[in-house]
Amino acid sequence: MPIIQSRVNLIELAPKGTGKSFVFQNLSQNVRLLSGGKVTAAVLFYNNATRVPGLLTRYDVVIFDEAQTLSFDNPGEVIGVLKDYMESGCFARGRQQASAEASTVILANVPLDSSRHPAKDILFLHLPAFLRETAFIDRLHSILPGWELPRVTPQCLATGYGFRADFFSEVLHALRRSAGYIEYINSKCQIGGDIRDKRAIERVAAGYLKLLYPDILLSDYDLFEYCIEPARRFRQLVRDQLALMDPEFERTSIHITKV
């Protein structure tokens, strides 16, 4: 849903071989994938020397792949500006101020136990320091439980007809600009939790709604079952992790009331 809905921040944690980066990299030409290594503020936001805008202003989605190996040149600056952007959609670097609509996606492996569940209750222990900062984690709208996905095998490949990837990419890009989806969701329910919970569920649910029911012709059951409840569940994973990692965040259940 980050390709179809603007300014969605999420992390997908999954074992190797589940196609995390492959799907994003091959689904849309409007996605830019950064594979581990060192990332600079000039690349992400704005290059003060060349006056070239960064990736966040030029793509629909910026993906940090192999996050367990990710590092930043001058991490204090990069993470501070990135947190501001994830919260407000705006950033400043030097004298340059800008806004953008790009979604941010983090892809990382997660150690599993013999039953294919995460080996540790805290999912971020093996990730870089900035990804263990609760102020950063709270800005994530979703944790996608990629450990629930099977490994990609030849049997997973489609054998019938389908859309060409470049055509489907343009459909997703066009739907990003379509309005009224969040308003429709709010007309059907009241979302509990704090303002970040509400914003997260609205955006992720709107992404599902655009993807599954772009004409907004659906029953209330389908809206809650396939759009709102998955968004609530994935944001609840974020809240559960925050409660485990920092006593400042109390354990709470996000409730959604039908209107």
Protein backbone atom coordinates (compact mmCIF):
# COMPACT_ATOMS: atom_id res chain seq x y z
CA MET A 1 0.00 0.00 0.00
CA PRO A 2 2.87 2.54 0.25
CA ILE A 3 2.99 2.63 -3.55
CA ILE A 4 -0.67 3.52 -3.86
CA GLN A 5 -1.05 5.76 -0.78
CA SER A 6 1.17 8.75 -0.08
CA ARG A 7 3.26 9.14 3.08
CA VAL A 8 2.91 5.67 4.54
CA ASN A 9 5.81 4.68 6.82
CA LEU A 10 6.24 0.98 7.47
CA ILE A 11 8.73 -1.75 8.20
CA GLU A 12 8.50 -5.31 6.93
CA LEU A 13 10.31 -7.93 8.99
CA ALA A 14 10.67 -11.28 7.27
CA PRO A 15 13.11 -14.16 6.86
CA LYS A 16 15.24 -14.47 3.75
CA GLY A 17 13.66 -15.71 0.56
CA THR A 18 10.17 -14.22 0.96
CA GLY A 19 10.56 -11.69 -1.88
CA LYS A 20 10.59 -8.48 0.16
CA SER A 21 12.78 -6.36 -2.07
CA PHE A 22 11.97 -8.24 -5.30
CA VAL A 23 8.29 -7.27 -5.19
CA PHE A 24 8.91 -3.59 -4.57
CA GLN A 25 11.76 -3.33 -7.06
CA ASN A 26 9.82 -4.95 -9.90
CA LEU A 27 6.32 -3.62 -9.26
CA SER A 28 6.81 0.08 -9.96
CA GLN A 29 9.26 2.36 -11.73
CA ASN A 30 8.34 5.02 -9.17
CA VAL A 31 10.09 3.11 -6.38
CA ARG A 32 13.74 3.66 -5.42
CA LEU A 33 15.44 0.92 -3.43
CA LEU A 34 18.58 1.57 -1.37
CA SER A 35 20.35 -1.69 -0.55
CA GLY A 36 22.11 -1.42 2.80
CA GLY A 37 25.41 0.41 3.12
CA LYS A 38 25.79 4.10 3.91
CA VAL A 39 23.13 6.68 3.01
CA THR A 40 23.75 10.43 3.03
CA ALA A 41 21.48 13.38 3.72
CA ALA A 42 22.35 14.75 0.27
CA VAL A 43 20.98 11.61 -1.39
CA LEU A 44 17.79 11.52 0.67
CA PHE A 45 16.84 15.17 1.04
CA TYR A 46 18.84 17.80 -0.85
CA ASN A 47 22.39 18.16 -2.13
CA ASN A 48 23.55 21.61 -1.04
CA ALA A 49 26.59 21.49 -3.33
CA THR A 50 24.85 20.53 -6.58
CA ARG A 51 21.39 21.87 -5.64
CA VAL A 52 19.81 18.58 -6.71
CA PRO A 53 16.64 17.51 -4.79
CA GLY A 54 16.88 14.19 -2.99
CA LEU A 55 15.11 10.90 -3.55
CA LEU A 56 12.17 11.70 -1.26
CA THR A 57 11.05 14.46 -3.64
CA ARG A 58 11.44 12.38 -6.82
CA TYR A 59 9.89 8.98 -6.07
CA ASP A 60 6.61 7.60 -4.73
CA VAL A 61 8.43 5.23 -2.36
CA VAL A 62 11.95 5.19 -0.96
CA ILE A 63 12.96 1.77 0.40
CA PHE A 64 15.77 1.04 2.83
CA ASP A 65 16.60 -2.58 2.06
CA GLU A 66 18.75 -4.86 4.23
CA ALA A 67 18.20 -2.48 7.14
CA GLN A 68 20.34 -4.61 9.44
CA THR A 69 23.38 -3.40 7.45
CA LEU A 70 22.18 0.19 7.00
CA SER A 71 24.21 3.14 8.24
CA PHE A 72 24.09 6.90 7.73
CA ASP A 73 26.80 9.44 7.05
CA ASN A 74 26.34 11.86 9.97
CA PRO A 75 23.49 9.81 11.50
CA GLY A 76 22.41 12.54 13.92
CA GLU A 77 21.52 14.87 11.05
CA VAL A 78 19.96 12.25 8.79
CA ILE A 79 17.77 10.61 11.44
CA GLY A 80 16.61 13.95 12.83
CA VAL A 81 15.51 15.21 9.42
CA LEU A 82 14.02 11.84 8.50
CA LYS A 83 11.90 11.76 11.68
CA ASP A 84 10.62 15.27 10.89
CA TYR A 85 9.72 14.16 7.38
CA MET A 86 7.94 10.99 8.54
CA GLU A 87 5.86 13.09 10.92
CA SER A 88 5.03 16.14 8.80
CA GLY A 89 5.96 15.46 5.19
CA CYS A 90 8.34 18.43 5.31
CA PHE A 91 12.07 18.78 5.83
CA ALA A 92 14.77 21.43 5.89
CA ARG A 93 18.44 21.08 5.00
CA GLY A 94 20.61 24.14 5.04
CA ARG A 95 18.56 26.95 3.54
CA GLN A 96 16.45 24.54 1.53
CA GLN A 97 12.95 23.69 2.76
CA ALA A 98 10.73 21.23 0.94
CA SER A 99 7.71 18.98 1.24
CA ALA A 100 7.16 15.61 -0.38
CA GLU A 101 4.63 12.79 -0.63
CA ALA A 102 6.97 9.79 -0.75
CA SER A 103 6.29 6.79 1.46
CA THR A 104 9.20 5.29 3.39
CA VAL A 105 9.64 1.52 3.67
CA ILE A 106 12.22 -0.39 5.72
CA LEU A 107 12.94 -4.02 4.85
CA ALA A 108 14.86 -6.22 7.25
CA ASN A 109 15.40 -9.86 8.08
CA VAL A 110 14.15 -11.21 11.40
CA PRO A 111 15.51 -14.27 13.26
CA LEU A 112 12.90 -17.01 13.65
CA ASP A 113 12.58 -19.93 16.04
CA SER A 114 11.76 -23.52 15.08
CA SER A 115 8.06 -22.70 14.78
CA ARG A 116 8.78 -19.84 12.33
CA HIS A 117 7.87 -17.13 14.81
CA PRO A 118 10.24 -14.29 15.82
CA ALA A 119 12.91 -15.63 18.14
CA LYS A 120 12.75 -12.53 20.39
CA ASP A 121 9.75 -10.64 21.74
CA ILE A 122 11.40 -7.34 20.81
CA LEU A 123 11.65 -7.38 17.03
CA PHE A 124 14.23 -4.59 16.72
CA LEU A 125 17.09 -5.96 18.83
CA HIS A 126 19.21 -7.02 15.84
CA LEU A 127 18.73 -3.76 13.92
CA PRO A 128 20.87 -0.56 13.93
CA ALA A 129 20.64 1.84 16.87
CA PHE A 130 18.36 4.34 15.13
CA LEU A 131 15.81 1.58 14.52
CA ARG A 132 15.76 0.81 18.22
CA GLU A 133 14.82 4.40 19.09
CA THR A 134 11.18 4.46 20.19
CA ALA A 135 10.67 8.02 18.88
CA PHE A 136 11.50 6.66 15.42
CA ILE A 137 9.44 3.48 15.80
CA ASP A 138 6.38 5.50 16.88
CA ARG A 139 6.45 7.24 13.50
CA LEU A 140 6.00 3.91 11.73
CA HIS A 141 2.42 3.31 10.67
CA SER A 142 2.76 -0.47 10.40
CA ILE A 143 4.91 -3.44 11.18
CA LEU A 144 4.27 -6.05 8.49
CA PRO A 145 4.67 -9.57 9.93
CA GLY A 146 6.58 -11.01 7.00
CA TRP A 147 7.36 -14.15 9.00
CA GLU A 148 3.80 -15.23 8.16
CA LEU A 149 4.75 -15.42 4.46
CA PRO A 150 6.09 -18.61 2.89
CA ARG A 151 9.39 -18.67 1.02
CA VAL A 152 9.11 -17.97 -2.69
CA THR A 153 9.22 -21.22 -4.66
CA PRO A 154 8.51 -22.04 -8.33
CA GLN A 155 5.00 -23.06 -7.27
CA CYS A 156 4.32 -19.44 -6.22
CA LEU A 157 4.79 -18.07 -9.74
CA ALA A 158 1.71 -17.14 -11.74
CA THR A 159 1.04 -19.11 -14.93
CA GLY A 160 -1.93 -17.18 -16.31
CA TYR A 161 -2.42 -13.74 -17.80
CA GLY A 162 -1.91 -10.55 -15.82
CA PHE A 163 -1.17 -6.84 -16.11
CA ARG A 164 2.19 -5.73 -17.42
CA ALA A 165 4.20 -4.29 -14.52
CA ASP A 166 4.67 -0.90 -16.21
CA PHE A 167 0.91 -0.55 -16.79
CA PHE A 168 0.08 -1.60 -13.23
CA SER A 169 2.72 0.83 -11.96
CA GLU A 170 0.95 3.71 -13.69
CA VAL A 171 -2.40 2.64 -12.23
CA LEU A 172 -0.95 2.67 -8.71
CA HIS A 173 0.73 6.03 -9.35
CA ALA A 174 -2.52 7.58 -10.59
CA LEU A 175 -4.49 6.30 -7.60
CA ARG A 176 -2.07 8.06 -5.23
CA ARG A 177 -3.63 11.34 -6.35
CA SER A 178 -7.22 10.16 -5.85
CA ALA A 179 -8.98 11.85 -2.92
CA GLY A 180 -11.89 10.92 -0.68
CA TYR A 181 -10.73 7.55 0.65
CA ILE A 182 -9.67 8.67 4.11
CA GLU A 183 -12.86 10.72 4.39
CA TYR A 184 -14.91 7.66 3.49
CA ILE A 185 -13.17 5.60 6.18
CA ASN A 186 -13.80 8.29 8.79
CA SER A 187 -17.46 8.38 7.83
CA LYS A 188 -17.75 4.69 8.73
CA CYS A 189 -15.80 4.45 12.00
CA GLN A 190 -14.18 6.20 14.92
CA ILE A 191 -10.55 5.25 15.50
CA GLY A 192 -9.26 5.14 19.06
CA GLY A 193 -5.70 5.67 20.28
CA ASP A 194 -3.62 8.80 19.95
CA ILE A 195 -3.23 11.02 16.89
CA ARG A 196 -0.41 8.88 15.46
CA ASP A 197 -2.53 5.74 15.79
CA LYS A 198 -5.41 7.45 14.02
CA ARG A 199 -3.25 8.83 11.22
CA ALA A 200 -1.53 5.47 10.72
CA ILE A 201 -4.76 3.49 10.47
CA GLU A 202 -6.37 6.07 8.18
CA ARG A 203 -3.52 6.01 5.68
CA VAL A 204 -2.96 2.27 5.63
CA ALA A 205 -6.69 1.51 5.43
CA ALA A 206 -7.01 4.05 2.59
CA GLY A 207 -4.23 2.22 0.76
CA TYR A 208 -6.08 -1.09 1.06
CA LEU A 209 -9.31 0.59 -0.04
CA LYS A 210 -7.67 2.06 -3.16
CA LEU A 211 -6.05 -1.26 -4.02
CA LEU A 212 -9.03 -3.56 -3.43
CA TYR A 213 -12.05 -1.29 -4.03
CA PRO A 214 -10.91 1.79 -6.01
CA ASP A 215 -14.52 2.62 -6.93
CA ILE A 216 -15.51 2.52 -3.21
CA LEU A 217 -18.34 0.10 -3.99
CA LEU A 218 -18.19 -2.35 -1.10
CA SER A 219 -20.11 -3.51 1.93
CA ASP A 220 -19.35 -2.31 5.44
CA TYR A 221 -18.25 -5.87 6.25
CA ASP A 222 -15.64 -5.84 3.47
CA LEU A 223 -14.44 -2.39 4.51
CA PHE A 224 -13.76 -3.48 8.08
CA GLU A 225 -12.56 -6.99 7.29
CA TYR A 226 -10.14 -6.20 4.46
CA CYS A 227 -9.17 -2.54 4.95
CA ILE A 228 -9.65 -1.20 8.47
CA GLU A 229 -8.89 -4.28 10.59
CA PRO A 230 -5.56 -5.12 8.85
CA ALA A 231 -4.51 -1.47 9.30
CA ARG A 232 -5.45 -1.60 12.98
CA ARG A 233 -3.62 -4.90 13.49
CA PHE A 234 -0.38 -3.68 11.94
CA ARG A 235 -0.42 -0.43 13.94
CA GLN A 236 -1.17 -2.46 17.08
CA LEU A 237 2.09 -4.33 16.48
CA VAL A 238 3.88 -0.98 16.61
CA ARG A 239 2.19 -0.07 19.91
CA ASP A 240 3.00 -3.48 21.39
CA GLN A 241 6.68 -3.09 20.53
CA LEU A 242 6.79 0.40 22.02
CA ALA A 243 5.31 -0.90 25.28
CA LEU A 244 7.96 -3.64 25.44
CA MET A 245 10.84 -1.28 24.75
CA ASP A 246 9.99 1.87 26.72
CA PRO A 247 7.98 2.25 29.96
CA GLU A 248 6.89 5.67 28.74
CA PHE A 249 4.53 3.88 26.34
CA GLU A 250 1.78 2.11 28.22
CA ARG A 251 0.35 -1.11 26.84
CA THR A 252 -2.92 -0.33 25.11
CA SER A 253 -5.33 -1.86 22.62
CA ILE A 254 -6.48 0.30 19.72
CA HIS A 255 -10.27 0.13 19.45
CA ILE A 256 -12.30 1.03 16.37
CA THR A 257 -16.02 1.78 16.70
CA LYS A 258 -18.41 1.53 13.78
CA VAL A 259 -20.48 4.64 13.10
